[in-house]
N, C-alpha and C. Protein backbone atom coordinates (compact mmCIF):
# COMPACT_ATOMS: atom_id res chain seq x y z
N MET A 1 -46.81 -124.39 209.06
CA MET A 1 -45.73 -123.76 208.02
C MET A 1 -46.28 -124.37 206.69
N PHE A 2 -46.00 -123.73 205.96
CA PHE A 2 -46.21 -124.00 204.35
C PHE A 2 -45.02 -123.64 203.33
N TRP A 3 -44.65 -124.60 202.49
CA TRP A 3 -43.62 -124.09 201.25
C TRP A 3 -44.07 -124.65 200.21
N ALA A 4 -43.55 -123.93 199.12
CA ALA A 4 -43.68 -123.93 197.78
C ALA A 4 -42.15 -124.60 197.34
N TRP A 5 -41.99 -125.42 196.38
CA TRP A 5 -41.44 -126.25 195.25
C TRP A 5 -41.21 -124.99 194.11
N THR A 6 -41.82 -124.16 194.14
CA THR A 6 -42.00 -123.45 193.01
C THR A 6 -43.25 -121.89 192.84
N TYR A 7 -42.51 -120.71 192.77
CA TYR A 7 -43.75 -119.86 192.52
C TYR A 7 -45.09 -119.97 191.53
N PRO A 8 -46.03 -119.54 191.28
CA PRO A 8 -47.49 -120.01 190.93
C PRO A 8 -47.09 -119.50 189.48
N TYR A 9 -47.88 -120.24 188.33
CA TYR A 9 -48.33 -120.10 187.31
C TYR A 9 -49.33 -120.42 186.83
N SER A 10 -50.32 -119.16 186.66
CA SER A 10 -52.01 -119.52 186.84
C SER A 10 -52.14 -119.77 185.34
N PHE A 11 -53.47 -120.29 185.06
CA PHE A 11 -53.94 -120.84 183.83
C PHE A 11 -54.13 -119.38 183.41
N GLU A 12 -54.42 -118.57 184.03
CA GLU A 12 -54.73 -117.60 183.00
C GLU A 12 -53.21 -116.68 182.49
N GLU A 13 -52.33 -116.87 182.64
CA GLU A 13 -51.02 -116.80 182.37
C GLU A 13 -50.34 -117.90 181.13
N SER A 14 -51.26 -118.51 181.69
CA SER A 14 -51.04 -119.88 180.36
C SER A 14 -51.63 -119.23 178.94
N LEU A 15 -52.74 -118.67 179.37
CA LEU A 15 -53.97 -118.53 178.00
C LEU A 15 -53.24 -117.34 177.46
N LYS A 16 -52.53 -116.48 178.44
CA LYS A 16 -52.40 -115.22 177.64
C LYS A 16 -51.44 -115.12 176.82
N LYS A 17 -50.32 -116.04 177.55
CA LYS A 17 -48.87 -116.54 176.49
C LYS A 17 -49.70 -116.91 175.23
N THR A 18 -50.17 -117.52 175.50
CA THR A 18 -51.07 -118.29 173.77
C THR A 18 -51.36 -117.22 173.43
N GLN A 19 -52.05 -116.52 173.47
CA GLN A 19 -52.98 -114.87 172.96
C GLN A 19 -51.24 -114.34 172.23
N LYS A 20 -50.59 -114.16 173.15
CA LYS A 20 -49.81 -113.18 172.67
C LYS A 20 -48.74 -113.93 171.57
N LEU A 21 -48.86 -115.12 171.33
CA LEU A 21 -48.21 -115.71 170.83
C LEU A 21 -48.93 -116.08 169.25
N MET A 22 -50.16 -116.19 169.22
CA MET A 22 -51.04 -116.00 167.80
C MET A 22 -50.97 -114.94 167.59
N LYS A 23 -51.31 -113.75 168.57
CA LYS A 23 -51.24 -112.17 167.71
C LYS A 23 -50.25 -112.18 167.23
N LYS A 24 -48.63 -112.46 167.58
CA LYS A 24 -47.48 -112.39 167.00
C LYS A 24 -47.10 -112.87 165.99
N TYR A 25 -47.49 -114.05 165.75
CA TYR A 25 -47.26 -115.00 164.63
C TYR A 25 -48.55 -115.34 163.38
N ALA A 26 -49.71 -114.53 163.62
CA ALA A 26 -50.76 -114.80 163.05
C ALA A 26 -50.34 -114.61 161.45
N ASP A 27 -49.66 -113.63 161.11
CA ASP A 27 -49.16 -113.14 159.89
C ASP A 27 -48.00 -113.55 159.17
N ASP A 28 -47.16 -114.38 160.21
CA ASP A 28 -46.22 -114.10 159.81
C ASP A 28 -45.53 -115.43 158.55
N GLU A 29 -44.35 -114.72 157.93
CA GLU A 29 -43.85 -115.73 156.89
C GLU A 29 -43.45 -116.95 157.12
N ARG A 30 -42.71 -116.92 157.83
CA ARG A 30 -42.00 -117.87 158.52
C ARG A 30 -42.49 -119.25 159.40
N ILE A 31 -43.25 -118.57 160.29
CA ILE A 31 -43.66 -119.33 161.48
C ILE A 31 -44.84 -119.69 161.22
N TYR A 32 -45.96 -120.92 161.11
CA TYR A 32 -47.59 -121.16 161.22
C TYR A 32 -47.99 -121.65 162.50
N ILE A 33 -48.78 -120.99 162.89
CA ILE A 33 -49.24 -121.48 164.29
C ILE A 33 -50.44 -121.60 164.37
N HIS A 34 -51.09 -122.25 165.19
CA HIS A 34 -52.73 -122.84 164.77
C HIS A 34 -53.16 -123.20 166.63
N ARG A 35 -54.36 -122.49 166.83
CA ARG A 35 -54.57 -122.98 167.86
C ARG A 35 -55.63 -124.14 168.14
N GLU A 36 -55.89 -124.56 169.14
CA GLU A 36 -57.44 -124.84 168.83
C GLU A 36 -57.78 -125.49 170.47
N VAL A 37 -59.27 -125.85 170.60
CA VAL A 37 -59.23 -126.29 172.11
C VAL A 37 -59.74 -128.08 171.71
N LEU A 38 -58.77 -128.42 172.31
CA LEU A 38 -58.38 -130.10 172.26
C LEU A 38 -60.04 -130.78 173.06
N ASN A 39 -60.12 -129.96 174.11
CA ASN A 39 -60.84 -130.38 174.87
C ASN A 39 -61.37 -129.86 176.16
N TYR A 40 -62.54 -129.51 176.94
CA TYR A 40 -62.75 -128.76 178.37
C TYR A 40 -62.51 -129.65 179.07
N SER A 41 -61.82 -128.92 180.39
CA SER A 41 -61.73 -130.05 181.71
C SER A 41 -63.20 -129.95 182.53
N ARG A 42 -62.98 -130.80 183.03
CA ARG A 42 -64.04 -130.84 184.30
C ARG A 42 -64.77 -129.73 184.95
N GLU A 43 -63.64 -128.13 185.40
CA GLU A 43 -64.08 -127.30 185.51
C GLU A 43 -64.39 -126.20 184.34
N GLY A 44 -64.60 -126.75 183.14
CA GLY A 44 -65.24 -126.06 182.09
C GLY A 44 -63.39 -125.37 181.57
N ARG A 45 -62.33 -125.46 181.60
CA ARG A 45 -61.56 -124.87 181.14
C ARG A 45 -60.78 -125.23 179.96
N PRO A 46 -60.69 -124.66 178.87
CA PRO A 46 -60.00 -124.82 177.40
C PRO A 46 -58.69 -125.74 177.92
N GLN A 47 -58.63 -126.85 177.25
CA GLN A 47 -57.23 -127.71 177.05
C GLN A 47 -56.77 -127.44 175.81
N GLU A 48 -56.10 -126.77 175.37
CA GLU A 48 -55.73 -126.06 174.36
C GLU A 48 -54.49 -126.90 173.28
N LEU A 49 -54.65 -126.99 172.19
CA LEU A 49 -53.67 -127.92 171.43
C LEU A 49 -52.99 -126.77 170.49
N ILE A 50 -51.70 -126.52 170.41
CA ILE A 50 -50.93 -125.37 169.38
C ILE A 50 -50.27 -126.45 168.42
N THR A 51 -50.45 -126.13 167.48
CA THR A 51 -49.59 -126.57 166.38
C THR A 51 -48.52 -125.46 165.70
N PHE A 52 -47.16 -125.27 166.01
CA PHE A 52 -46.36 -124.60 165.85
C PHE A 52 -45.43 -124.54 165.06
N THR A 53 -44.71 -124.36 164.04
CA THR A 53 -43.97 -124.77 163.27
C THR A 53 -43.44 -124.01 162.11
N ALA A 54 -42.04 -124.33 161.10
CA ALA A 54 -41.91 -123.35 159.96
C ALA A 54 -43.11 -123.78 159.33
N ARG A 55 -43.09 -122.78 158.09
CA ARG A 55 -44.34 -123.19 156.80
C ARG A 55 -43.43 -123.72 155.86
N ASP A 56 -42.43 -124.03 155.71
CA ASP A 56 -42.07 -125.04 154.72
C ASP A 56 -42.55 -126.51 154.80
N LYS A 57 -43.04 -127.29 153.64
CA LYS A 57 -43.38 -128.19 153.46
C LYS A 57 -44.53 -128.73 154.02
N ILE A 58 -45.10 -127.20 153.85
CA ILE A 58 -47.04 -127.37 154.15
C ILE A 58 -47.22 -127.98 153.21
N THR A 59 -48.75 -128.64 153.48
CA THR A 59 -49.12 -129.35 152.31
C THR A 59 -50.99 -128.48 152.42
N GLU A 60 -51.86 -129.17 151.28
CA GLU A 60 -53.21 -128.49 151.50
C GLU A 60 -54.26 -129.52 152.06
N GLU A 61 -53.48 -130.58 152.79
CA GLU A 61 -54.62 -131.14 153.66
C GLU A 61 -54.29 -130.46 155.02
N ARG A 62 -55.91 -131.24 155.48
CA ARG A 62 -55.76 -131.02 156.68
C ARG A 62 -55.72 -131.88 158.05
N GLU A 63 -55.62 -131.80 158.99
CA GLU A 63 -55.77 -132.58 160.03
C GLU A 63 -56.87 -133.32 160.37
N ASP A 64 -57.17 -134.50 160.46
CA ASP A 64 -58.40 -135.02 160.93
C ASP A 64 -59.24 -134.70 161.98
N LEU A 65 -60.42 -134.65 161.96
CA LEU A 65 -61.22 -134.24 163.04
C LEU A 65 -61.53 -135.94 163.74
N ILE A 66 -61.47 -135.95 165.03
CA ILE A 66 -61.37 -136.89 165.97
C ILE A 66 -62.56 -137.00 166.97
N GLU A 67 -63.34 -137.81 166.49
CA GLU A 67 -64.76 -137.90 167.26
C GLU A 67 -64.71 -137.51 169.03
N GLY A 68 -65.39 -136.62 169.28
CA GLY A 68 -64.99 -136.83 170.93
C GLY A 68 -64.25 -135.74 171.26
N LEU A 69 -63.33 -135.20 170.08
CA LEU A 69 -62.20 -134.12 170.32
C LEU A 69 -62.67 -132.70 169.65
N PHE A 70 -62.09 -131.61 170.31
CA PHE A 70 -62.48 -130.28 169.37
C PHE A 70 -63.55 -130.09 169.11
N PRO A 71 -63.97 -129.34 170.26
CA PRO A 71 -65.92 -129.16 170.18
C PRO A 71 -66.32 -128.00 169.76
N GLU A 72 -64.94 -126.91 169.74
CA GLU A 72 -65.14 -125.94 168.78
C GLU A 72 -65.41 -125.92 167.66
N ALA A 73 -64.64 -126.86 167.17
CA ALA A 73 -64.40 -127.16 165.61
C ALA A 73 -66.02 -127.41 164.86
N LYS A 74 -67.27 -127.99 165.54
CA LYS A 74 -68.32 -128.23 165.33
C LYS A 74 -68.48 -129.13 164.04
N GLY A 75 -67.73 -130.26 164.12
CA GLY A 75 -67.49 -130.72 162.93
C GLY A 75 -67.26 -130.27 161.58
N ASP A 76 -66.69 -129.17 161.64
CA ASP A 76 -66.29 -128.20 160.18
C ASP A 76 -64.25 -128.58 160.36
N PRO A 77 -64.20 -129.60 159.27
CA PRO A 77 -62.62 -129.94 159.10
C PRO A 77 -61.62 -129.06 158.73
N SER A 78 -61.89 -127.65 158.35
CA SER A 78 -61.45 -126.35 157.92
C SER A 78 -60.74 -125.76 158.92
N THR A 79 -61.38 -125.82 160.12
CA THR A 79 -60.96 -125.42 161.47
C THR A 79 -59.60 -126.46 162.02
N ARG A 80 -59.22 -127.21 161.26
CA ARG A 80 -57.88 -128.01 161.85
C ARG A 80 -57.10 -127.35 161.54
N PRO A 81 -55.41 -127.55 161.51
CA PRO A 81 -54.45 -127.32 160.91
C PRO A 81 -54.17 -127.96 159.90
N PHE A 82 -53.45 -127.44 159.09
CA PHE A 82 -52.65 -127.59 157.67
C PHE A 82 -51.70 -129.06 158.29
N LYS A 83 -51.59 -130.04 157.56
CA LYS A 83 -50.62 -131.57 157.74
C LYS A 83 -49.25 -130.78 156.94
N PHE A 84 -48.60 -131.37 157.25
CA PHE A 84 -46.70 -130.69 156.99
C PHE A 84 -46.30 -132.35 156.37
N ASP A 85 -45.16 -132.13 155.62
CA ASP A 85 -44.62 -133.25 155.44
C ASP A 85 -42.92 -133.45 156.10
N LYS A 86 -43.33 -133.59 157.11
CA LYS A 86 -42.23 -133.58 157.91
C LYS A 86 -42.27 -134.17 159.65
N PRO A 87 -41.22 -134.30 159.98
CA PRO A 87 -41.42 -134.99 161.45
C PRO A 87 -42.03 -134.12 162.65
N THR A 88 -42.60 -134.86 163.35
CA THR A 88 -43.50 -134.20 164.23
C THR A 88 -43.01 -134.76 165.80
N ILE A 89 -42.95 -133.52 166.65
CA ILE A 89 -42.64 -133.61 168.02
C ILE A 89 -43.66 -133.20 168.61
N PHE A 90 -44.13 -133.81 170.01
CA PHE A 90 -45.40 -133.39 170.76
C PHE A 90 -45.16 -133.17 171.83
N ILE A 91 -45.30 -132.31 172.43
CA ILE A 91 -44.55 -131.87 173.87
C ILE A 91 -46.25 -131.63 174.60
N SER A 92 -46.23 -132.37 175.69
CA SER A 92 -47.32 -131.58 176.71
C SER A 92 -46.62 -131.38 178.06
N SER A 93 -47.74 -130.58 178.21
CA SER A 93 -47.02 -129.63 179.89
C SER A 93 -48.28 -129.50 180.39
N ARG A 94 -47.90 -129.73 181.83
CA ARG A 94 -49.20 -129.00 182.81
C ARG A 94 -50.45 -130.25 182.76
N VAL A 95 -50.06 -131.61 182.60
CA VAL A 95 -51.37 -132.25 182.59
C VAL A 95 -52.06 -132.43 184.21
N HIS A 96 -51.18 -132.16 184.89
CA HIS A 96 -51.93 -132.11 186.05
C HIS A 96 -51.78 -130.84 187.07
N PRO A 97 -52.48 -130.35 188.10
CA PRO A 97 -52.77 -128.74 188.47
C PRO A 97 -51.36 -128.71 189.17
N GLY A 98 -51.22 -129.61 189.80
CA GLY A 98 -49.55 -129.81 190.80
C GLY A 98 -48.28 -129.44 189.96
N GLU A 99 -48.89 -129.77 188.35
CA GLU A 99 -47.35 -129.43 187.79
C GLU A 99 -47.01 -128.08 187.43
N THR A 100 -46.67 -127.08 187.85
CA THR A 100 -46.23 -125.81 187.78
C THR A 100 -45.03 -125.79 187.33
N PRO A 101 -44.07 -126.50 187.26
CA PRO A 101 -42.82 -126.43 186.75
C PRO A 101 -42.92 -126.12 185.36
N ALA A 102 -44.06 -127.65 184.37
CA ALA A 102 -43.69 -127.61 183.44
C ALA A 102 -44.33 -126.24 182.49
N SER A 103 -45.17 -125.15 183.36
CA SER A 103 -45.45 -124.54 182.38
C SER A 103 -44.61 -123.25 182.25
N PHE A 104 -43.29 -123.60 183.30
CA PHE A 104 -42.46 -122.76 183.32
C PHE A 104 -41.55 -123.17 181.97
N VAL A 105 -41.51 -124.85 181.83
CA VAL A 105 -40.53 -125.43 181.06
C VAL A 105 -41.20 -124.89 179.82
N MET A 106 -42.44 -125.29 179.45
CA MET A 106 -43.13 -124.96 178.21
C MET A 106 -43.13 -123.27 177.41
N GLU A 107 -42.95 -122.57 178.78
CA GLU A 107 -42.84 -121.01 178.44
C GLU A 107 -41.04 -121.16 178.14
N GLY A 108 -40.16 -121.51 178.64
CA GLY A 108 -38.99 -121.98 178.11
C GLY A 108 -38.67 -122.26 176.68
N ILE A 109 -39.28 -123.46 176.17
CA ILE A 109 -39.24 -123.74 174.95
C ILE A 109 -40.13 -122.55 173.77
N TRP A 110 -41.40 -121.92 174.33
CA TRP A 110 -41.24 -121.04 173.47
C TRP A 110 -40.52 -120.20 173.38
N ASN A 111 -39.97 -119.74 174.25
CA ASN A 111 -38.65 -118.47 173.77
C ASN A 111 -37.61 -119.36 173.04
N PHE A 112 -37.39 -120.12 173.58
CA PHE A 112 -36.19 -121.07 172.41
C PHE A 112 -36.76 -120.95 171.02
N LEU A 113 -37.93 -121.50 171.16
CA LEU A 113 -38.32 -121.30 169.22
C LEU A 113 -38.62 -120.52 168.65
N THR A 114 -39.33 -119.42 169.50
CA THR A 114 -39.22 -117.98 168.80
C THR A 114 -38.09 -116.77 168.70
N ALA A 115 -36.97 -117.63 169.38
CA ALA A 115 -35.66 -116.52 169.42
C ALA A 115 -34.99 -115.98 168.23
N LYS A 116 -34.71 -114.95 168.05
CA LYS A 116 -34.16 -114.41 166.58
C LYS A 116 -32.50 -114.99 166.78
N HIS A 117 -32.53 -116.60 166.36
CA HIS A 117 -31.33 -117.06 166.50
C HIS A 117 -31.26 -118.11 165.09
N GLU A 118 -30.27 -118.48 164.82
CA GLU A 118 -30.43 -119.71 163.73
C GLU A 118 -30.39 -121.10 164.48
């Protein structure tokens, strides 16, 4: 007998969700979104870092490159997201492969943040 405490949320679904958000908000006047690869898993899967915020309080500065991270940047600091003069909230999900519910929670957070409400 087998049982599961949730239905699957594949890595592919996660990447598609990110691509959909990037496309939807690429040229948005209110929302700033930036995707970068933080690093790669042992299996070679990209581990994404998404910066998502309102465009207010944006600065001309970019986040620093950190040695050993951001392999796709290839040392180019202009690939990093802009800095903002406001508090930061860091949300991490799906740290381990078995943490499928975290992917659903992250999708719920995305849906809440992008909903058309005040």
